[in-house]
């Protein structure tokens, strides 16, 4: 019969998750399917009830339901509970168990591309304080980053992230203007908002005029592949981390949670990059 996985979100029809997970299934010669369950807010309860009836093996959760899903779960693991958001649900022995693979997927993508990065010596600037920032902040603190500062338009939202830090991490909340002025003090700059996403490719959250040479500039936006922020980073001599890596590796962690099978994601990452660059033959 095979596995049945899916994605609950709204909107969700544009998602690349079916393509990614079907490649993971093929890699292990497994039968199965990954379905999009696009669900408007007023129908969320009914959709989740339907998923119980069809005995789905696991599903991902995307905006706007990463927090709303929690009351429907039987258990939430410690990491997802600390983040306050769930993006992966594993159905095990009839129970729905919530996990969050976003932040750890980001860290995995970072270390895959830049394996020599010493995170316990890395000063980080997070741009934005939304759901994605929460997961990334917690994951970077968990692996020992000594400084993770947060720049956001609304200071109170940035301050809300501070409760997620682990012992040994120090954080300050900055305005975006302050972040621009202090940019040269950071080793890793992570853009966690939707600024610069298609069709608003020309938008950019801050200027990188003060970025340090060889710093890593990361943007979780993956469409367009080269965001305005990453183009400027390259022009300033910084190294770049594209957004599609986080998408692939958070999906890999979800698949591994559902199946117990490890995933070799490098080949899929390359194929996905070719797609984003417009090579439809891959």
Foldseek 3Di string as FASTA:
>chain_A
DFAEEEEEEPPDPVDCLQVLVVVQCVVVVTDYGYYYDYDDPVCVVVVVVVCLVVVHQKYFYDPPCQQVCVVVFPEEDPLCVLLNGFGMWGQDPNGTYTYFLLQVLVVVLVCVVVVVDDLLDFAEEEEDQDSSCLSVQLSSLVSHRQEYEYEYQDQVSRVVSPSSHDPNHDYDYHYLVVCLVCQCVGQEYEYRDCACAPPNQVGDSHQNPNHHAQREYEYLRPVQQCGPRNVNCVVVNYHYRTNVSSVSRSSQVSVCVSPVDHGDRPVVSVVVVCVSVPNVVD
